Protein backbone atom coordinates (compact mmCIF):
# COMPACT_ATOMS: atom_id res chain seq x y z
CA MET A 1 32.75 -53.73 -4.66
CA GLU A 2 36.03 -55.76 -4.38
CA PRO A 3 38.08 -53.27 -6.35
CA PHE A 4 36.87 -50.47 -4.10
CA PHE A 5 37.86 -52.22 -0.80
CA SER A 6 41.15 -53.15 -2.48
CA TRP A 7 41.84 -49.38 -3.22
CA LEU A 8 40.71 -48.62 0.49
CA GLY A 9 43.43 -50.80 1.82
CA THR A 10 45.98 -49.00 0.16
CA VAL A 11 44.95 -45.49 1.35
CA PRO A 12 46.42 -44.26 4.61
CA TRP A 13 44.10 -44.60 7.48
CA TRP A 14 44.17 -40.74 8.32
CA ILE A 15 42.70 -40.17 4.74
CA ILE A 16 39.44 -41.89 5.90
CA PHE A 17 38.04 -39.25 8.14
CA PRO A 18 38.22 -36.41 5.54
CA ILE A 19 36.59 -38.75 3.08
CA MET A 20 33.90 -39.52 5.54
CA GLY A 21 33.25 -35.83 6.43
CA VAL A 22 32.81 -35.10 2.63
CA ALA A 23 30.65 -37.92 2.09
CA GLY A 24 28.63 -37.03 5.25
CA GLY A 25 28.27 -33.56 4.08
CA ALA A 26 27.14 -34.53 0.53
CA ALA A 27 24.59 -36.84 2.28
CA LYS A 28 23.03 -34.14 4.41
CA ALA A 29 23.05 -31.47 1.33
CA TRP A 30 21.22 -34.14 -0.42
CA GLU A 31 18.76 -34.88 2.28
CA ARG A 32 18.09 -31.13 2.49
CA ASN A 33 17.44 -30.57 -1.19
CA ALA A 34 15.02 -33.77 -1.02
CA LYS A 35 13.32 -32.16 1.91
CA ARG A 36 12.80 -28.88 0.09
CA ARG A 37 11.66 -30.61 -3.04
CA HIS A 38 9.18 -32.58 -1.04
CA GLU A 39 8.04 -29.35 0.74
CA ARG A 40 7.67 -27.50 -2.47
CA ARG A 41 5.53 -30.39 -4.06
CA LEU A 42 3.25 -30.52 -0.97
CA GLU A 43 2.78 -26.58 -1.28
CA THR A 44 1.98 -26.96 -4.81
CA LEU A 45 -0.56 -29.71 -4.01
CA ARG A 46 -2.06 -27.55 -1.29
CA LEU A 47 -2.40 -24.50 -3.25
CA LYS A 48 -4.20 -26.36 -6.11
CA ALA A 49 -6.42 -27.94 -3.71
CA GLU A 50 -7.42 -24.68 -2.10
CA ILE A 51 -7.79 -23.25 -5.50
CA LYS A 52 -10.25 -25.82 -6.24
CA THR A 53 -12.20 -25.57 -3.05
CA ALA A 54 -12.32 -21.65 -3.58
CA GLN A 55 -13.69 -22.27 -7.16
CA LEU A 56 -16.24 -24.77 -6.16
CA GLU A 57 -17.47 -22.45 -3.33
CA ALA A 58 -17.70 -19.48 -5.62
CA ARG A 59 -19.95 -21.67 -7.95
CA GLY A 60 -22.22 -22.89 -5.21
CA GLY A 61 -24.65 -20.09 -5.38
CA THR A 62 -24.81 -20.20 -9.27
CA ALA A 63 -26.63 -22.67 -11.31
CA ARG A 64 -25.05 -23.75 -14.65
CA ARG A 65 -26.82 -21.74 -17.67
CA VAL A 66 -28.34 -23.92 -20.45
CA GLY A 67 -28.86 -21.54 -23.42
CA PRO A 68 -27.05 -19.34 -25.79
CA ALA A 69 -23.09 -19.06 -25.75
CA VAL A 70 -23.50 -15.27 -25.39
CA ILE A 71 -24.48 -14.00 -22.12
CA ASP A 72 -26.34 -10.58 -22.24
CA THR A 73 -25.74 -9.28 -18.79
CA THR A 74 -28.14 -6.33 -19.34
CA ALA A 75 -30.89 -8.81 -19.71
CA SER A 76 -30.05 -11.30 -17.12
CA VAL A 77 -29.75 -10.52 -13.52
CA ALA A 78 -27.76 -13.67 -12.40
CA PRO A 79 -24.51 -13.03 -14.72
CA ASN A 80 -24.65 -9.11 -13.68
CA ALA A 81 -24.68 -10.10 -9.87
CA LEU A 82 -21.97 -12.78 -10.36
CA LEU A 83 -19.76 -10.35 -12.11
CA GLU A 84 -20.29 -7.51 -9.65
CA ARG A 85 -19.40 -9.88 -6.82
CA LEU A 86 -16.39 -11.22 -8.63
CA PHE A 87 -15.29 -7.36 -9.17
CA SER A 88 -15.78 -6.69 -5.51
CA GLU A 89 -13.63 -9.62 -4.54
CA HIS A 90 -11.00 -8.84 -6.92
CA ASP A 91 -10.76 -5.29 -5.75
CA GLU A 92 -10.66 -6.24 -2.13
CA ILE A 93 -7.64 -8.74 -2.75
CA THR A 94 -5.90 -5.86 -4.76
CA ALA A 95 -6.70 -3.47 -2.00
CA ARG A 96 -5.10 -5.85 0.54
CA TRP A 97 -2.15 -6.14 -1.42
CA LEU A 98 -1.64 -2.51 -2.22
CA ASP A 99 -1.74 -1.93 1.53
CA TYR A 100 1.52 -3.62 1.98
CA GLU A 101 2.84 -2.21 -1.19
CA LEU A 102 2.32 1.42 -0.15
CA ASP A 103 2.83 1.25 3.61
CA VAL A 104 6.43 1.40 4.50
CA ALA A 105 5.63 0.27 7.87
CA LYS A 106 4.20 -2.92 6.69
CA LEU A 107 6.96 -3.33 4.07
CA ILE A 108 9.44 -3.31 6.87
CA ALA A 109 7.70 -5.56 9.19
CA PHE A 110 6.74 -8.03 6.37
CA PRO A 111 9.33 -7.63 3.66
CA ALA A 112 9.02 -10.92 1.88
CA MET A 113 5.47 -9.69 0.78
CA SER A 114 6.98 -7.36 -1.71
CA ASP A 115 9.94 -9.73 -2.79
CA GLY A 116 8.99 -11.05 -6.13
CA ARG A 117 11.82 -13.52 -5.76
CA GLN A 118 9.75 -15.49 -3.10
CA PRO A 119 8.11 -18.42 -4.86
CA LEU A 120 4.77 -17.85 -3.15
CA VAL A 121 4.66 -14.25 -3.93
CA ALA A 122 5.93 -14.79 -7.70
CA ALA A 123 2.68 -17.28 -7.85
CA PHE A 124 0.51 -14.62 -6.30
CA LEU A 125 1.70 -11.77 -8.99
CA ARG A 126 1.38 -14.32 -11.80
CA ALA A 127 -2.35 -15.04 -10.52
CA LYS A 128 -2.89 -11.18 -10.16
CA LYS A 129 -1.80 -10.59 -13.71
CA THR A 130 -4.14 -13.26 -15.05
CA ALA A 131 -7.09 -12.03 -13.05
CA ASP A 132 -6.64 -8.73 -14.32
CA ALA A 133 -6.31 -9.78 -18.04
CA LEU A 134 -9.56 -11.60 -17.72
CA ARG A 135 -11.54 -9.18 -15.82
CA PRO A 136 -14.37 -7.68 -18.30
CA ALA A 137 -14.62 -3.94 -18.64
CA SER A 138 -18.09 -3.70 -16.68
CA ALA A 139 -20.93 -5.90 -15.20
CA GLU A 140 -22.96 -4.62 -18.18
CA GLN A 141 -20.51 -5.69 -21.09
CA THR A 142 -21.89 -8.78 -23.10
CA VAL A 143 -19.48 -11.67 -22.22
CA THR A 144 -19.58 -15.43 -23.14
CA GLU A 145 -20.14 -18.07 -20.45
CA LYS A 146 -16.61 -19.29 -21.02
CA GLN A 147 -15.32 -15.71 -20.33
CA VAL A 148 -17.43 -15.65 -17.01
CA SER A 149 -16.11 -19.01 -16.09
CA GLU A 150 -12.46 -18.25 -16.61
CA TYR A 151 -12.59 -14.80 -14.87
CA LEU A 152 -14.34 -16.76 -11.81
CA ASP A 153 -11.50 -19.30 -11.92
CA ALA A 154 -8.85 -16.56 -12.07
CA VAL A 155 -10.43 -14.70 -9.16
CA GLY A 156 -10.36 -17.70 -7.01
CA ALA A 157 -6.84 -18.31 -7.87
CA TYR A 158 -5.88 -14.87 -7.02
CA ALA A 159 -7.66 -14.89 -3.74
CA VAL A 160 -5.96 -18.15 -2.53
CA ALA A 161 -2.51 -17.26 -3.81
CA PHE A 162 -2.87 -14.01 -1.90
CA GLU A 163 -3.78 -15.87 1.43
CA ILE A 164 -0.94 -18.30 0.92
CA ALA A 165 1.76 -15.51 0.25
CA GLU A 166 0.54 -13.37 2.94
CA LYS A 167 0.57 -16.09 5.42
CA ASP A 168 4.26 -17.23 4.35
CA ALA A 169 5.35 -13.41 4.55
CA ARG A 170 3.98 -13.10 8.12
CA ARG A 171 5.79 -16.57 8.96
CA LEU A 172 9.09 -15.41 7.39
CA ARG A 173 9.00 -11.69 8.74
CA ASP A 174 12.75 -10.68 8.71
CA SER A 175 14.03 -14.05 8.92
CA SER A 176 15.90 -13.98 5.58
CA PHE A 177 17.95 -10.98 6.72
CA THR A 178 21.34 -11.27 8.72
CA GLU A 179 21.46 -9.91 12.28
CA PRO A 180 23.18 -6.54 11.28
CA GLU A 181 20.55 -6.19 8.62
CA ARG A 182 17.52 -7.13 11.23
CA LYS A 183 19.00 -4.11 13.27
CA ARG A 184 18.94 -1.66 10.47
CA LEU A 185 15.29 -2.65 9.86
CA ASP A 186 14.48 -2.04 13.61
CA ARG A 187 16.18 1.22 13.36
CA ALA A 188 14.38 2.22 10.36
CA GLN A 189 10.92 1.31 11.98
CA GLN A 190 11.63 3.47 15.08
CA LEU A 191 12.67 6.30 12.75
CA LEU A 192 9.62 5.95 10.64
CA LYS A 193 7.35 6.58 13.67
CA VAL A 194 9.24 10.02 13.97
CA ALA A 195 8.74 10.76 10.38
CA VAL A 196 5.12 10.53 10.49
CA ASP A 197 4.68 11.99 14.08
CA GLU A 198 2.42 15.06 13.91
CA SER A 199 3.87 16.18 17.08
CA ALA A 200 7.50 16.42 15.79
CA THR A 201 8.65 19.40 14.19
CA GLN A 202 9.06 19.49 10.40
CA ALA A 203 12.81 19.38 10.82
CA GLU A 204 12.85 16.38 13.03
CA ARG A 205 10.48 14.67 10.60
CA ASN A 206 12.59 15.51 7.53
CA VAL A 207 15.79 14.05 9.40
CA ALA A 208 14.02 10.88 10.34
CA TYR A 209 12.66 10.56 6.69
CA ARG A 210 16.22 10.72 5.37
CA ARG A 211 17.52 8.20 7.96
CA VAL A 212 14.73 5.83 7.07
CA ARG A 213 15.60 5.82 3.34
CA ASP A 214 19.33 5.35 4.36
CA GLU A 215 18.62 2.13 6.74
CA LEU A 216 16.51 0.59 3.89
CA GLU A 217 19.08 1.28 1.27
CA GLY A 218 20.08 -2.21 -0.14
CA LEU A 219 17.30 -3.99 2.07
CA ILE A 220 14.00 -3.14 0.79
CA LEU A 221 13.14 -1.50 -2.47
CA LEU A 222 10.39 1.11 -2.08
CA SER A 223 8.27 1.76 -5.07
CA ASP A 224 7.88 5.20 -6.41
CA GLU A 225 4.08 4.98 -5.13
CA ALA A 226 5.25 4.12 -1.62
CA VAL A 227 7.66 6.94 -1.53
CA GLN A 228 5.00 9.57 -2.58
CA VAL A 229 2.76 8.37 0.07
CA LEU A 230 5.46 8.69 2.84
CA GLU A 231 6.68 11.84 1.60
CA LYS A 232 3.12 13.28 1.87
CA GLN A 233 2.91 11.89 5.44
CA VAL A 234 6.37 13.45 6.42
CA ALA A 235 5.44 16.87 4.85
CA ARG A 236 2.15 17.11 6.42
CA GLU A 237 1.65 20.72 7.76
CA ILE A 238 1.56 20.90 11.72
CA ALA A 239 -1.88 22.56 12.48
CA ALA A 240 -1.33 25.51 14.97
CA PRO A 241 -3.71 25.59 17.48
CA ALA A 242 -6.39 28.30 16.78
CA ALA A 243 -6.34 31.15 19.19
CA PRO A 244 -9.40 31.93 20.99
CA PRO A 245 -11.23 34.86 19.76
CA GLN A 246 -10.57 38.18 21.56
CA PRO A 247 -13.44 40.15 22.96
CA MET A 248 -13.98 43.44 21.05
CA PRO A 249 -12.95 46.57 23.43
CA GLU A 250 -15.68 48.56 24.52
CA PRO A 251 -16.04 52.02 23.13
CA LEU A 252 -14.58 54.97 25.41
CA HIS A 253 -17.29 57.13 26.71
CA LEU A 254 -15.68 60.59 26.90
CA PRO A 255 -17.41 63.61 28.41
CA PRO A 256 -18.58 66.20 25.82
CA LYS A 257 -16.34 69.13 24.96
CA THR A 258 -17.31 72.50 26.51
CA THR A 259 -17.04 76.02 25.02
CA ASN A 260 -15.67 78.98 27.02
CA ASP A 261 -19.09 80.00 27.70
CA GLY A 262 -19.47 76.49 29.93
CA GLU A 263 -21.89 75.24 27.20
CA ALA A 264 -21.53 71.64 25.32
CA ALA A 265 -20.06 71.74 21.91
CA GLN A 266 -22.51 70.40 19.28
């Protein structure tokens, strides 16, 4: 330390303040990074704990089988029922995720949920890929006990990963955008209401739809499926009110024609 203080004695006094500022900024940056690393470790531990809990709960109603390595689900009710329950949970999570992917209003309200750069969303997408890959073709398929166990674990991880990603997206909302970008998202949300309003004219809906796309350009990437769903809503025909049925006119009763002799014509 003595050489440092010797050098410090040769430095002009006014240089000390910029050096202290730089050192203070570096210390704060290190503290922020350490805090983020700590939060990331805690999030990882929490995710692992919740996955383990979900797996234990899923296993709670099924006893471990002792028998052959291959399970014939057509001859055993328990594996069949377990797979059907896992299929149902798997499909429910996927439907909840697609609700964010295909509903443009939800995409605007919770943009982080469709952003694969978010760590928790990326973890959910990886869990989805694993669950999809391990899913048996049907509950009647002959599968091994290991396959059932792996699929059960994958669905548990898929469910937990979605819950955590959804909570984080609802917490973030549009906080990752700048103030001008948030104003664009607000305008897009208002225009979207006009674009799908059945009481608006087709021309009004078309204009609103184009402006929605303009406002979202560079902010949120809409999938082709989301665009198709939105375009169908925009192009929906406005049903004209049915006209009430008109009563049939009564036939005219004309007097019979007469001949020159005053007799009625036949």
